[in-house]
Amino acid sequence: MEQEQTKSQKVKRFIKEVQRVLRITKKPNKTEFASIVKVTGLGLIIIGSIGFLIFVLKQVLF
């Protein structure tokens, strides 16, 4: 019985946290979205380039 209460308390606390986060967050406008897309794309390109360089170096050296 005690474990049931703690589970229900955890669920209630989680729901309150989710509601709090949803109240705070907002939909980004077009400029914010564009900058997020640019930064994410740049990060993907950089990480992909590093992976490709490691792959090429591995093929050349071994």
N, C-alpha and C. Protein backbone atom coordinates (compact mmCIF):
# COMPACT_ATOMS: atom_id res chain seq x y z
N MET A 1 0.83 -1.19 0.00
CA MET A 1 0.00 0.00 0.00
C MET A 1 0.87 1.25 0.00
N GLU A 2 1.93 1.21 0.79
CA GLU A 2 2.83 2.36 0.87
C GLU A 2 3.51 2.62 -0.46
N GLN A 3 3.86 1.55 -1.16
CA GLN A 3 4.51 1.68 -2.46
C GLN A 3 3.54 2.29 -3.48
N GLU A 4 2.28 1.95 -3.40
CA GLU A 4 1.26 2.51 -4.29
C GLU A 4 1.18 4.02 -4.12
N GLN A 5 1.24 4.51 -2.88
CA GLN A 5 1.16 5.95 -2.64
C GLN A 5 2.38 6.66 -3.21
N THR A 6 3.54 6.07 -3.06
CA THR A 6 4.73 6.71 -3.58
C THR A 6 4.70 6.76 -5.10
N LYS A 7 4.17 5.71 -5.73
CA LYS A 7 4.06 5.73 -7.20
C LYS A 7 3.09 6.80 -7.64
N SER A 8 1.96 6.90 -6.96
CA SER A 8 0.98 7.92 -7.34
C SER A 8 1.53 9.32 -7.07
N GLN A 9 2.29 9.47 -6.01
CA GLN A 9 2.91 10.77 -5.73
C GLN A 9 3.93 11.13 -6.81
N LYS A 10 4.69 10.14 -7.25
CA LYS A 10 5.67 10.38 -8.31
C LYS A 10 4.98 10.80 -9.60
N VAL A 11 3.87 10.13 -9.92
CA VAL A 11 3.13 10.45 -11.14
C VAL A 11 2.56 11.86 -11.04
N LYS A 12 1.98 12.21 -9.90
CA LYS A 12 1.43 13.55 -9.71
C LYS A 12 2.52 14.62 -9.82
N ARG A 13 3.67 14.35 -9.21
CA ARG A 13 4.79 15.30 -9.28
C ARG A 13 5.28 15.45 -10.72
N PHE A 14 5.35 14.34 -11.44
CA PHE A 14 5.77 14.39 -12.84
C PHE A 14 4.80 15.21 -13.67
N ILE A 15 3.50 15.01 -13.46
CA ILE A 15 2.48 15.76 -14.21
C ILE A 15 2.60 17.26 -13.91
N LYS A 16 2.84 17.61 -12.65
CA LYS A 16 3.02 19.02 -12.29
C LYS A 16 4.24 19.61 -12.99
N GLU A 17 5.32 18.86 -13.04
CA GLU A 17 6.54 19.33 -13.71
C GLU A 17 6.30 19.53 -15.21
N VAL A 18 5.59 18.60 -15.83
CA VAL A 18 5.28 18.71 -17.26
C VAL A 18 4.42 19.94 -17.51
N GLN A 19 3.43 20.17 -16.68
CA GLN A 19 2.58 21.35 -16.83
C GLN A 19 3.38 22.63 -16.68
N ARG A 20 4.31 22.65 -15.73
CA ARG A 20 5.15 23.83 -15.51
C ARG A 20 6.01 24.12 -16.74
N VAL A 21 6.61 23.08 -17.28
CA VAL A 21 7.46 23.25 -18.46
C VAL A 21 6.63 23.73 -19.65
N LEU A 22 5.46 23.17 -19.83
CA LEU A 22 4.61 23.57 -20.96
C LEU A 22 4.13 25.02 -20.82
N ARG A 23 3.94 25.49 -19.60
CA ARG A 23 3.55 26.89 -19.40
C ARG A 23 4.70 27.84 -19.74
N ILE A 24 5.92 27.43 -19.43
CA ILE A 24 7.09 28.28 -19.64
C ILE A 24 7.49 28.34 -21.11
N THR A 25 7.41 27.22 -21.80
CA THR A 25 7.89 27.17 -23.18
C THR A 25 6.97 27.92 -24.12
N LYS A 26 7.55 28.32 -25.26
CA LYS A 26 6.77 29.01 -26.28
C LYS A 26 7.23 28.55 -27.65
N LYS A 27 6.42 28.78 -28.63
CA LYS A 27 6.74 28.42 -30.00
C LYS A 27 7.73 29.46 -30.55
N PRO A 28 8.82 29.02 -31.17
CA PRO A 28 9.79 29.99 -31.70
C PRO A 28 9.23 30.72 -32.92
N ASN A 29 9.66 31.99 -33.07
CA ASN A 29 9.24 32.72 -34.27
C ASN A 29 10.14 32.31 -35.43
N LYS A 30 9.92 32.90 -36.60
CA LYS A 30 10.64 32.46 -37.80
C LYS A 30 12.15 32.68 -37.69
N THR A 31 12.56 33.81 -37.14
CA THR A 31 14.01 34.07 -37.04
C THR A 31 14.67 33.13 -36.04
N GLU A 32 14.02 32.87 -34.91
CA GLU A 32 14.57 31.91 -33.95
C GLU A 32 14.68 30.52 -34.57
N PHE A 33 13.63 30.12 -35.28
CA PHE A 33 13.63 28.80 -35.90
C PHE A 33 14.74 28.71 -36.95
N ALA A 34 14.90 29.76 -37.74
CA ALA A 34 15.95 29.75 -38.78
C ALA A 34 17.33 29.64 -38.15
N SER A 35 17.57 30.35 -37.06
CA SER A 35 18.88 30.28 -36.42
C SER A 35 19.10 28.90 -35.79
N ILE A 36 18.06 28.29 -35.24
CA ILE A 36 18.19 26.94 -34.69
C ILE A 36 18.53 25.95 -35.79
N VAL A 37 17.87 26.08 -36.94
CA VAL A 37 18.14 25.18 -38.07
C VAL A 37 19.57 25.37 -38.56
N LYS A 38 20.03 26.61 -38.65
CA LYS A 38 21.41 26.87 -39.11
C LYS A 38 22.43 26.26 -38.16
N VAL A 39 22.26 26.48 -36.88
CA VAL A 39 23.22 25.96 -35.90
C VAL A 39 23.21 24.43 -35.90
N THR A 40 22.03 23.83 -35.97
CA THR A 40 21.92 22.37 -36.00
C THR A 40 22.57 21.81 -37.26
N GLY A 41 22.29 22.43 -38.40
CA GLY A 41 22.90 21.98 -39.66
C GLY A 41 24.42 22.09 -39.63
N LEU A 42 24.91 23.21 -39.09
CA LEU A 42 26.36 23.40 -38.99
C LEU A 42 26.98 22.33 -38.09
N GLY A 43 26.32 22.03 -36.98
CA GLY A 43 26.82 20.98 -36.09
C GLY A 43 26.85 19.63 -36.77
N LEU A 44 25.80 19.31 -37.53
CA LEU A 44 25.78 18.04 -38.27
C LEU A 44 26.91 17.96 -39.29
N ILE A 45 27.14 19.06 -39.99
CA ILE A 45 28.21 19.08 -40.99
C ILE A 45 29.57 18.89 -40.33
N ILE A 46 29.79 19.58 -39.21
CA ILE A 46 31.08 19.48 -38.52
C ILE A 46 31.31 18.06 -38.00
N ILE A 47 30.30 17.48 -37.35
CA ILE A 47 30.45 16.13 -36.81
C ILE A 47 30.61 15.11 -37.93
N GLY A 48 29.86 15.28 -39.01
CA GLY A 48 30.00 14.39 -40.15
C GLY A 48 31.37 14.48 -40.79
N SER A 49 31.90 15.70 -40.90
CA SER A 49 33.23 15.89 -41.47
C SER A 49 34.30 15.24 -40.61
N ILE A 50 34.18 15.38 -39.32
CA ILE A 50 35.15 14.74 -38.41
C ILE A 50 35.08 13.22 -38.56
N GLY A 51 33.88 12.68 -38.61
CA GLY A 51 33.73 11.24 -38.80
C GLY A 51 34.31 10.77 -40.12
N PHE A 52 34.07 11.56 -41.17
CA PHE A 52 34.60 11.20 -42.49
C PHE A 52 36.13 11.25 -42.49
N LEU A 53 36.70 12.27 -41.87
CA LEU A 53 38.16 12.36 -41.81
C LEU A 53 38.76 11.18 -41.04
N ILE A 54 38.14 10.81 -39.95
CA ILE A 54 38.62 9.66 -39.19
C ILE A 54 38.54 8.39 -40.04
N PHE A 55 37.45 8.23 -40.78
CA PHE A 55 37.29 7.07 -41.64
C PHE A 55 38.36 7.04 -42.72
N VAL A 56 38.61 8.18 -43.36
CA VAL A 56 39.61 8.24 -44.43
C VAL A 56 41.00 7.97 -43.87
N LEU A 57 41.32 8.57 -42.73
CA LEU A 57 42.64 8.32 -42.11
C LEU A 57 42.80 6.86 -41.74
N LYS A 58 41.75 6.24 -41.26
CA LYS A 58 41.81 4.82 -40.92
C LYS A 58 42.07 3.98 -42.16
N GLN A 59 41.41 4.32 -43.28
CA GLN A 59 41.58 3.57 -44.52
C GLN A 59 43.00 3.75 -45.08
N VAL A 60 43.54 4.95 -44.97
CA VAL A 60 44.86 5.23 -45.52
C VAL A 60 45.96 4.61 -44.68
N LEU A 61 45.81 4.69 -43.36
CA LEU A 61 46.89 4.23 -42.48
C LEU A 61 46.86 2.74 -42.22
N PHE A 62 45.72 2.09 -42.32
CA PHE A 62 45.65 0.66 -41.96
C PHE A 62 45.21 -0.18 -43.12
